[in-house]
N, C-alpha and C. Protein backbone atom coordinates (compact mmCIF):
# COMPACT_ATOMS: atom_id res chain seq x y z
N MET A 1 105.46 51.41 128.20
CA MET A 1 105.13 50.40 128.85
C MET A 1 103.70 49.75 128.75
N ARG A 2 102.80 50.94 128.36
CA ARG A 2 101.25 50.52 128.02
C ARG A 2 101.47 49.42 126.93
N LEU A 3 102.27 49.50 125.98
CA LEU A 3 102.01 48.66 124.65
C LEU A 3 102.52 47.38 125.26
N CYS A 4 103.71 47.33 126.19
CA CYS A 4 104.11 46.13 126.55
C CYS A 4 102.96 45.31 127.59
N GLU A 5 102.12 46.04 128.25
CA GLU A 5 101.06 45.57 129.07
C GLU A 5 99.95 45.07 128.15
N ALA A 6 99.81 45.67 127.00
CA ALA A 6 98.81 45.49 126.15
C ALA A 6 99.10 44.19 125.19
N GLY A 7 100.16 43.94 125.30
CA GLY A 7 100.68 42.60 124.46
C GLY A 7 101.01 42.95 123.29
N LYS A 8 100.89 44.42 122.74
CA LYS A 8 101.27 44.67 121.18
C LYS A 8 102.95 44.60 120.92
N ILE A 9 103.72 44.88 121.93
CA ILE A 9 105.21 44.72 121.77
C ILE A 9 105.69 44.04 123.01
N GLU A 10 106.93 43.62 122.81
CA GLU A 10 107.52 42.58 123.64
C GLU A 10 108.88 43.22 124.00
N ARG A 11 109.34 43.17 125.29
CA ARG A 11 110.55 43.75 125.54
C ARG A 11 111.86 42.81 125.30
N VAL A 12 112.83 42.90 124.67
CA VAL A 12 113.88 41.93 124.18
C VAL A 12 114.84 42.10 124.99
N GLY A 13 115.31 43.22 125.29
CA GLY A 13 116.25 43.47 126.10
C GLY A 13 116.24 45.04 126.60
N ARG A 14 117.41 45.58 127.19
CA ARG A 14 117.44 47.00 127.66
C ARG A 14 117.41 47.69 126.15
N GLY A 15 116.20 48.60 126.37
CA GLY A 15 116.16 49.53 125.24
C GLY A 15 115.79 48.53 124.10
N LEU A 16 115.45 47.62 124.01
CA LEU A 16 115.14 46.88 122.77
C LEU A 16 113.72 46.19 122.96
N TYR A 17 113.03 46.70 121.87
CA TYR A 17 111.37 46.19 121.84
C TYR A 17 111.38 45.64 120.53
N ARG A 18 110.25 44.79 120.23
CA ARG A 18 109.79 44.12 118.92
C ARG A 18 108.42 43.99 119.13
N LEU A 19 107.87 43.97 117.89
CA LEU A 19 106.29 43.65 117.79
C LEU A 19 105.81 42.19 118.23
N ALA A 20 104.98 42.20 119.20
CA ALA A 20 104.40 40.69 119.55
C ALA A 20 104.40 39.58 118.46
N GLY A 21 105.05 38.65 118.40
CA GLY A 21 104.57 37.60 117.60
C GLY A 21 105.38 37.96 116.31
N ALA A 22 106.28 38.78 116.22
CA ALA A 22 107.26 39.07 115.08
C ALA A 22 108.02 37.93 114.90
N SER A 23 108.13 37.43 113.38
CA SER A 23 109.32 36.45 113.39
C SER A 23 110.74 36.91 113.36
N VAL A 24 111.46 36.06 114.06
CA VAL A 24 112.93 36.17 114.48
C VAL A 24 113.73 35.46 113.33
N SER A 25 114.89 36.38 112.67
CA SER A 25 115.63 35.61 111.89
C SER A 25 116.80 35.06 112.40
N GLU A 26 117.52 34.43 111.51
CA GLU A 26 118.78 33.67 112.20
C GLU A 26 119.78 34.65 112.75
N HIS A 27 119.72 35.94 112.21
CA HIS A 27 120.68 36.84 112.80
C HIS A 27 120.23 38.02 113.68
N HIS A 28 119.12 37.33 114.23
CA HIS A 28 118.60 38.39 115.45
C HIS A 28 119.38 39.15 116.41
N THR A 29 120.40 38.12 116.72
CA THR A 29 121.15 38.79 117.91
C THR A 29 122.16 39.74 117.19
N LEU A 30 122.72 39.80 116.05
CA LEU A 30 123.38 40.64 115.00
C LEU A 30 122.74 41.95 115.13
N ALA A 31 121.32 41.85 114.93
CA ALA A 31 120.71 42.99 114.99
C ALA A 31 120.44 43.86 116.32
N GLN A 32 120.27 42.85 117.21
CA GLN A 32 120.24 43.68 118.74
C GLN A 32 121.76 44.23 119.14
N VAL A 33 122.63 43.47 118.57
CA VAL A 33 124.16 44.06 119.00
C VAL A 33 124.20 45.25 118.18
N GLY A 34 123.84 45.34 116.82
CA GLY A 34 124.11 46.55 115.98
C GLY A 34 123.19 47.68 116.46
N LYS A 35 122.15 47.47 117.14
CA LYS A 35 121.33 48.71 117.76
C LYS A 35 121.99 48.87 119.10
N ARG A 36 122.33 48.06 119.84
CA ARG A 36 122.94 48.52 120.94
C ARG A 36 124.51 49.15 120.86
N LEU A 37 125.27 48.69 119.87
CA LEU A 37 126.64 49.12 119.81
C LEU A 37 126.65 49.62 118.27
N PRO A 38 126.18 50.89 117.79
CA PRO A 38 126.34 51.18 116.60
C PRO A 38 127.58 51.54 116.04
N SER A 39 128.68 51.80 117.09
CA SER A 39 129.91 51.83 116.41
C SER A 39 130.80 50.78 116.28
N GLY A 40 130.07 49.67 116.70
CA GLY A 40 130.81 48.41 116.58
C GLY A 40 130.64 47.89 115.29
N ILE A 41 131.54 46.80 115.05
CA ILE A 41 131.72 46.23 113.68
C ILE A 41 131.84 44.62 113.92
N ILE A 42 130.59 43.85 113.53
CA ILE A 42 130.71 42.45 113.67
C ILE A 42 131.65 41.96 112.97
N CYS A 43 132.47 40.94 113.55
CA CYS A 43 133.75 40.40 112.96
C CYS A 43 134.11 38.86 113.34
N LEU A 44 135.18 38.48 112.74
CA LEU A 44 135.69 36.90 113.29
C LEU A 44 134.62 36.05 113.06
N LEU A 45 134.34 35.21 114.15
CA LEU A 45 133.55 34.11 114.10
C LEU A 45 131.92 34.68 113.63
N SER A 46 131.53 35.62 114.27
CA SER A 46 130.25 36.14 114.03
C SER A 46 129.87 36.30 112.44
N ALA A 47 131.04 37.10 111.95
CA ALA A 47 131.36 37.43 110.47
C ALA A 47 131.18 36.15 109.59
N LEU A 48 132.13 35.15 110.19
CA LEU A 48 132.12 34.06 109.41
C LEU A 48 130.76 33.33 109.37
N SER A 49 130.13 33.17 110.39
CA SER A 49 128.59 32.66 110.38
C SER A 49 127.60 33.33 109.60
N PHE A 50 127.67 34.82 109.50
CA PHE A 50 126.84 35.78 108.67
C PHE A 50 127.39 35.40 107.20
N HIS A 51 128.33 35.32 106.95
CA HIS A 51 128.89 34.99 105.48
C HIS A 51 128.55 33.45 105.31
N GLY A 52 128.42 32.61 105.95
CA GLY A 52 128.24 31.14 105.94
C GLY A 52 129.50 30.48 105.52
N PHE A 53 130.47 31.12 106.10
CA PHE A 53 132.04 30.16 105.92
C PHE A 53 132.19 28.95 107.03
N THR A 54 131.41 29.12 107.79
CA THR A 54 131.80 27.89 108.88
C THR A 54 130.35 27.25 109.35
N THR A 55 130.38 26.01 109.72
CA THR A 55 129.26 25.40 110.35
C THR A 55 129.09 25.65 111.68
N GLN A 56 129.89 26.17 112.57
CA GLN A 56 129.89 26.50 113.96
C GLN A 56 129.12 27.78 114.12
N ALA A 57 128.31 27.62 115.28
CA ALA A 57 127.39 28.61 115.66
C ALA A 57 127.95 29.42 116.95
N PRO A 58 128.62 30.42 116.64
CA PRO A 58 129.31 31.10 118.01
C PRO A 58 128.27 31.53 118.98
N SER A 59 128.83 31.33 120.13
CA SER A 59 127.86 31.52 121.46
C SER A 59 127.71 33.10 121.61
N GLU A 60 128.93 33.63 121.25
CA GLU A 60 128.87 35.14 121.55
C GLU A 60 128.90 35.92 120.14
N VAL A 61 128.68 36.91 119.93
CA VAL A 61 128.56 37.98 118.96
C VAL A 61 130.04 38.72 119.26
N TRP A 62 130.80 38.52 118.18
CA TRP A 62 132.17 39.11 118.40
C TRP A 62 132.17 40.42 117.48
N VAL A 63 132.57 41.57 118.17
CA VAL A 63 132.33 42.78 117.85
C VAL A 63 133.98 43.57 117.82
N ALA A 64 134.21 44.35 116.77
CA ALA A 64 135.34 45.32 117.09
C ALA A 64 135.12 46.53 117.52
N LEU A 65 135.85 47.15 118.08
CA LEU A 65 135.71 48.49 118.64
C LEU A 65 136.87 49.08 118.59
N ASP A 66 137.09 50.51 118.33
CA ASP A 66 138.27 50.95 118.53
C ASP A 66 138.88 50.67 119.88
N ARG A 67 140.21 50.92 119.66
CA ARG A 67 140.98 50.48 121.08
C ARG A 67 140.99 51.39 121.81
N LYS A 68 140.38 52.76 121.81
CA LYS A 68 140.21 53.88 122.70
C LYS A 68 138.86 54.04 123.16
N ALA A 69 138.05 53.24 122.38
CA ALA A 69 136.47 53.37 122.83
C ALA A 69 136.14 52.84 124.07
N TRP A 70 135.11 53.47 124.90
CA TRP A 70 134.66 53.07 126.16
C TRP A 70 134.13 51.66 126.00
N LEU A 71 134.29 50.76 126.93
CA LEU A 71 133.82 49.30 126.99
C LEU A 71 132.16 49.60 127.26
N PRO A 72 131.44 49.38 126.19
CA PRO A 72 129.85 49.19 126.50
C PRO A 72 129.33 48.33 127.41
N ALA A 73 128.10 48.91 127.94
CA ALA A 73 127.52 48.45 129.15
C ALA A 73 126.46 47.50 128.35
N ALA A 74 126.71 46.22 127.76
CA ALA A 74 125.97 45.37 127.08
C ALA A 74 126.25 43.91 127.89
N SER A 75 125.93 44.18 129.09
CA SER A 75 126.04 42.83 129.81
C SER A 75 124.92 41.78 129.61
N ASP A 76 123.72 42.20 129.01
CA ASP A 76 122.83 41.18 128.76
C ASP A 76 122.72 40.72 127.65
N LEU A 77 123.63 41.14 126.69
CA LEU A 77 123.81 40.55 125.28
C LEU A 77 125.37 39.65 125.40
N PRO A 78 125.22 38.53 124.73
CA PRO A 78 126.25 37.78 124.71
C PRO A 78 127.51 38.51 123.73
N VAL A 79 128.16 39.42 124.15
CA VAL A 79 129.17 40.06 123.28
C VAL A 79 130.66 39.73 123.75
N ARG A 80 131.50 39.74 122.61
CA ARG A 80 132.95 39.44 122.92
C ARG A 80 133.61 40.39 122.06
N ILE A 81 134.45 41.36 122.82
CA ILE A 81 135.01 42.70 122.28
C ILE A 81 136.37 42.30 121.80
N VAL A 82 136.47 42.77 120.69
CA VAL A 82 137.87 42.84 120.14
C VAL A 82 138.16 44.18 119.73
N ARG A 83 139.54 44.49 120.03
CA ARG A 83 140.00 45.94 119.83
C ARG A 83 140.61 46.09 118.54
N PHE A 84 140.40 46.81 117.53
CA PHE A 84 140.80 47.22 116.34
C PHE A 84 141.43 48.55 116.46
N SER A 85 142.24 48.87 115.40
CA SER A 85 142.70 50.41 115.34
C SER A 85 143.19 50.87 113.86
N GLY A 86 143.14 51.86 113.63
CA GLY A 86 143.90 52.55 112.37
C GLY A 86 142.71 52.17 111.18
N ALA A 87 143.53 51.77 110.16
CA ALA A 87 142.93 51.32 108.93
C ALA A 87 142.04 49.99 109.01
N GLY A 88 142.46 49.14 110.16
CA GLY A 88 142.01 47.82 110.27
C GLY A 88 140.49 47.99 110.78
N LEU A 89 140.29 49.16 111.29
CA LEU A 89 139.02 49.53 111.94
C LEU A 89 138.05 50.31 110.77
N ARG A 90 138.69 51.34 110.32
CA ARG A 90 138.21 52.05 109.09
C ARG A 90 137.78 51.35 107.83
N GLN A 91 138.60 50.40 107.56
CA GLN A 91 138.20 49.87 106.04
C GLN A 91 137.99 48.15 106.26
N GLY A 92 137.35 47.98 105.10
CA GLY A 92 137.17 46.37 105.20
C GLY A 92 135.75 46.07 105.88
N HIS A 93 134.68 46.88 105.81
CA HIS A 93 133.40 46.48 106.19
C HIS A 93 132.19 47.03 105.49
N ARG A 94 131.30 46.46 105.41
CA ARG A 94 129.96 47.02 104.92
C ARG A 94 128.60 46.81 106.02
N SER A 95 127.86 47.87 105.53
CA SER A 95 126.68 47.92 106.30
C SER A 95 125.43 46.92 105.66
N HIS A 96 124.83 46.22 106.29
CA HIS A 96 123.91 45.18 105.96
C HIS A 96 122.66 45.48 106.91
N LEU A 97 121.49 45.68 106.12
CA LEU A 97 120.34 45.78 106.82
C LEU A 97 119.83 44.43 107.44
N ILE A 98 119.46 44.19 108.58
CA ILE A 98 119.24 43.10 109.43
C ILE A 98 117.85 43.47 110.28
N GLU A 99 116.77 43.02 109.99
CA GLU A 99 115.57 43.22 110.57
C GLU A 99 115.39 44.76 110.79
N GLY A 100 115.58 45.32 109.72
CA GLY A 100 115.37 46.80 109.85
C GLY A 100 116.64 47.82 110.36
N VAL A 101 117.52 47.00 111.04
CA VAL A 101 118.82 47.81 111.90
C VAL A 101 119.89 47.69 110.86
N SER A 102 120.63 48.72 110.65
CA SER A 102 121.75 48.77 109.68
C SER A 102 123.02 48.39 110.65
N VAL A 103 123.43 47.24 110.44
CA VAL A 103 124.54 46.57 111.04
C VAL A 103 125.96 46.38 110.22
N ARG A 104 127.09 46.78 110.66
CA ARG A 104 128.36 46.82 110.10
C ARG A 104 129.06 45.49 110.06
N VAL A 105 129.43 44.77 109.16
CA VAL A 105 129.97 43.49 109.27
C VAL A 105 131.02 43.55 108.36
N THR A 106 132.33 43.14 108.93
CA THR A 106 133.50 42.99 107.97
C THR A 106 133.22 42.16 106.68
N THR A 107 133.93 42.51 105.61
CA THR A 107 133.77 41.74 104.33
C THR A 107 134.38 40.42 104.39
N SER A 108 133.91 39.59 103.22
CA SER A 108 134.27 38.17 103.26
C SER A 108 135.85 38.23 103.58
N ALA A 109 136.63 38.97 102.60
CA ALA A 109 138.15 38.90 102.55
C ALA A 109 138.74 39.41 103.61
N LYS A 110 138.18 40.68 104.32
CA LYS A 110 138.64 41.02 105.64
C LYS A 110 138.62 40.09 106.86
N THR A 111 137.36 39.32 106.87
CA THR A 111 136.98 38.33 107.80
C THR A 111 137.94 37.31 107.98
N VAL A 112 138.41 36.80 106.68
CA VAL A 112 139.31 35.73 106.62
C VAL A 112 140.72 36.11 107.19
N ALA A 113 140.88 37.31 106.68
CA ALA A 113 142.56 37.86 106.98
C ALA A 113 142.27 38.47 108.56
N ASP A 114 141.41 38.78 109.29
CA ASP A 114 141.17 38.86 110.62
C ASP A 114 141.23 37.62 111.58
N CYS A 115 140.60 36.50 110.77
CA CYS A 115 140.68 35.01 111.36
C CYS A 115 142.41 34.59 111.58
N PHE A 116 143.13 34.98 110.46
CA PHE A 116 144.42 34.65 110.54
C PHE A 116 145.22 35.52 111.55
N LYS A 117 144.72 36.74 111.65
CA LYS A 117 145.40 37.75 112.80
C LYS A 117 145.08 37.22 114.16
N TYR A 118 143.93 36.83 114.28
CA TYR A 118 143.45 36.29 115.77
C TYR A 118 143.45 34.79 115.74
N ARG A 119 144.25 34.05 114.99
CA ARG A 119 144.36 32.60 115.13
C ARG A 119 144.69 32.01 116.52
N ASN A 120 145.30 32.65 117.11
CA ASN A 120 145.53 32.20 118.53
C ASN A 120 144.26 32.20 119.45
N LYS A 121 143.36 32.98 119.26
CA LYS A 121 142.10 33.32 119.98
C LYS A 121 140.96 32.31 119.52
N ILE A 122 141.00 32.29 118.07
CA ILE A 122 139.79 31.35 117.54
C ILE A 122 140.51 29.98 117.00
N GLY A 123 141.76 29.83 116.78
CA GLY A 123 142.16 28.61 116.32
C GLY A 123 142.54 28.75 114.72
N GLY A 124 143.60 28.22 114.47
CA GLY A 124 144.20 28.23 113.10
C GLY A 124 143.33 27.30 112.13
N ASP A 125 142.90 26.26 112.76
CA ASP A 125 141.86 25.57 111.76
C ASP A 125 140.57 26.23 111.42
N VAL A 126 140.16 26.88 112.30
CA VAL A 126 138.77 27.94 111.84
C VAL A 126 139.39 28.92 110.77
N ALA A 127 140.49 29.50 110.84
CA ALA A 127 140.97 30.34 109.98
C ALA A 127 141.20 29.65 108.30
N LEU A 128 141.75 28.45 108.62
CA LEU A 128 142.10 27.61 107.45
C LEU A 128 140.65 27.13 106.76
N GLU A 129 139.66 27.00 107.56
CA GLU A 129 138.30 26.47 107.06
C GLU A 129 137.73 27.57 106.55
N ALA A 130 137.89 28.75 106.90
CA ALA A 130 137.29 29.75 106.39
C ALA A 130 137.72 30.25 105.07
N LEU A 131 139.36 30.25 104.82
CA LEU A 131 139.80 30.47 103.71
C LEU A 131 139.56 29.44 102.63
N ARG A 132 139.43 28.27 102.86
CA ARG A 132 138.88 27.26 101.82
C ARG A 132 137.77 27.48 101.43
N GLU A 133 136.57 27.62 102.26
CA GLU A 133 135.27 27.81 102.19
C GLU A 133 134.87 29.06 101.22
N GLY A 134 135.68 30.06 101.65
CA GLY A 134 135.59 31.41 100.97
C GLY A 134 135.99 31.46 99.59
N TRP A 135 137.19 30.59 99.26
CA TRP A 135 137.91 30.44 98.13
C TRP A 135 136.86 29.60 97.14
N ARG A 136 136.45 28.71 97.80
CA ARG A 136 135.76 27.44 97.01
C ARG A 136 134.26 28.27 96.41
N GLU A 137 133.80 28.96 97.65
CA GLU A 137 132.30 29.54 97.17
C GLU A 137 132.51 30.77 96.14
N ARG A 138 133.86 31.24 95.84
CA ARG A 138 134.17 32.69 95.17
C ARG A 138 133.68 33.76 95.63
N ARG A 139 133.86 33.81 96.99
CA ARG A 139 133.34 35.05 97.72
C ARG A 139 134.19 36.17 97.78
N PHE A 140 135.48 35.90 97.14
CA PHE A 140 136.44 37.01 97.29
C PHE A 140 137.66 36.56 96.16
N THR A 141 137.89 37.72 95.64
CA THR A 141 139.09 37.40 94.92
C THR A 141 140.40 37.32 95.22
N MET A 142 141.69 37.09 94.81
CA MET A 142 142.96 36.92 95.52
C MET A 142 143.27 38.10 95.54
N ASP A 143 143.06 39.08 94.67
CA ASP A 143 143.60 40.69 95.02
C ASP A 143 142.85 41.16 96.31
N GLU A 144 141.55 41.03 96.52
CA GLU A 144 140.88 41.50 97.84
C GLU A 144 141.45 40.52 99.05
N LEU A 145 141.80 39.43 98.94
CA LEU A 145 142.38 38.83 100.03
C LEU A 145 143.60 39.23 100.33
N TRP A 146 144.41 39.34 99.38
CA TRP A 146 145.87 39.94 99.57
C TRP A 146 145.80 41.39 100.18
N GLN A 147 144.90 42.19 99.59
CA GLN A 147 144.81 43.44 100.28
C GLN A 147 144.33 43.33 101.62
N ALA A 148 143.35 42.59 101.79
CA ALA A 148 142.85 42.27 103.34
C ALA A 148 144.10 41.89 104.20
N ALA A 149 144.98 40.88 103.78
CA ALA A 149 145.91 40.29 104.50
C ALA A 149 147.11 41.54 104.62
N ARG A 150 147.35 42.24 103.79
CA ARG A 150 148.40 43.49 103.91
C ARG A 150 147.79 44.44 105.12
N LEU A 151 146.45 44.65 105.18
CA LEU A 151 145.99 45.72 106.00
C LEU A 151 145.88 45.07 107.41
N CYS A 152 145.56 43.94 107.53
CA CYS A 152 145.56 43.36 108.99
C CYS A 152 147.11 42.91 109.17
N ARG A 153 148.14 42.98 108.47
CA ARG A 153 149.64 42.66 108.54
C ARG A 153 149.72 41.26 108.71
N VAL A 154 149.12 40.47 108.04
CA VAL A 154 149.27 38.88 108.01
C VAL A 154 149.61 38.29 106.90
N ALA A 155 149.93 39.38 105.85
CA ALA A 155 150.35 38.87 104.63
C ALA A 155 151.34 37.42 104.52
N ASN A 156 152.61 37.77 105.29
CA ASN A 156 153.50 36.50 105.48
C ASN A 156 153.08 35.48 106.03
N VAL A 157 152.13 35.54 106.82
CA VAL A 157 151.49 34.45 107.63
C VAL A 157 150.72 33.75 106.44
N MET A 158 149.88 34.47 105.66
CA MET A 158 148.71 33.80 104.83
C MET A 158 149.41 33.34 103.47
N ARG A 159 150.89 33.77 103.23
CA ARG A 159 151.21 33.52 101.86
C ARG A 159 151.32 32.25 101.38
N PRO A 160 151.94 31.27 102.46
CA PRO A 160 151.93 29.84 101.81
C PRO A 160 150.56 29.14 101.62
N TYR A 161 149.58 29.67 102.41
CA TYR A 161 148.31 29.09 102.47
C TYR A 161 147.63 29.64 100.84
N LEU A 162 148.16 31.06 100.67
CA LEU A 162 147.50 31.73 99.43
C LEU A 162 148.19 31.04 98.23
N GLU A 163 149.33 30.50 98.43
CA GLU A 163 150.06 30.00 97.34
C GLU A 163 149.44 28.47 97.00
N THR A 164 149.09 27.92 97.96
CA THR A 164 148.49 26.42 97.69
C THR A 164 146.95 26.55 96.89
N LEU A 165 146.49 27.76 97.17
CA LEU A 165 145.27 27.73 96.50
C LEU A 165 144.91 28.15 95.08
N THR A 166 146.24 28.62 94.60
CA THR A 166 146.40 28.89 93.12
C THR A 166 147.19 28.00 92.36
């Protein structure tokens, strides 16, 4: 508290502080969520934005949690919880260092497969845009994408779109 009163640090959120006048990156909210929800994995629209697959900026941070995990008390952060389970939660993510915080984000191929899995929530056009952009920028191979599609159980849904790419 004394450092806050002295103006050396500033309170960003519940339990979150930063140096006064510190520069904020474009992924600052992801770092906040990663710090508050260490068991969460950034996914779907937030992962698309992180990987640069979309022009849309999500208003919420999409976070994957285990289906049996407690709902976190992060009401001060704009968070949208999606429940993953099994191999879909354990595989297909990497840790990235954002503003000194280790944040787990789904891989490019897993993000596209997740978008097809949750196409009713985020829109089929978003999933198609992610597939096209990721393939055009060579962010994943066809094998990685097919493995992620099988992991998310959307291989049959994605098959016609994958055939048009090759």
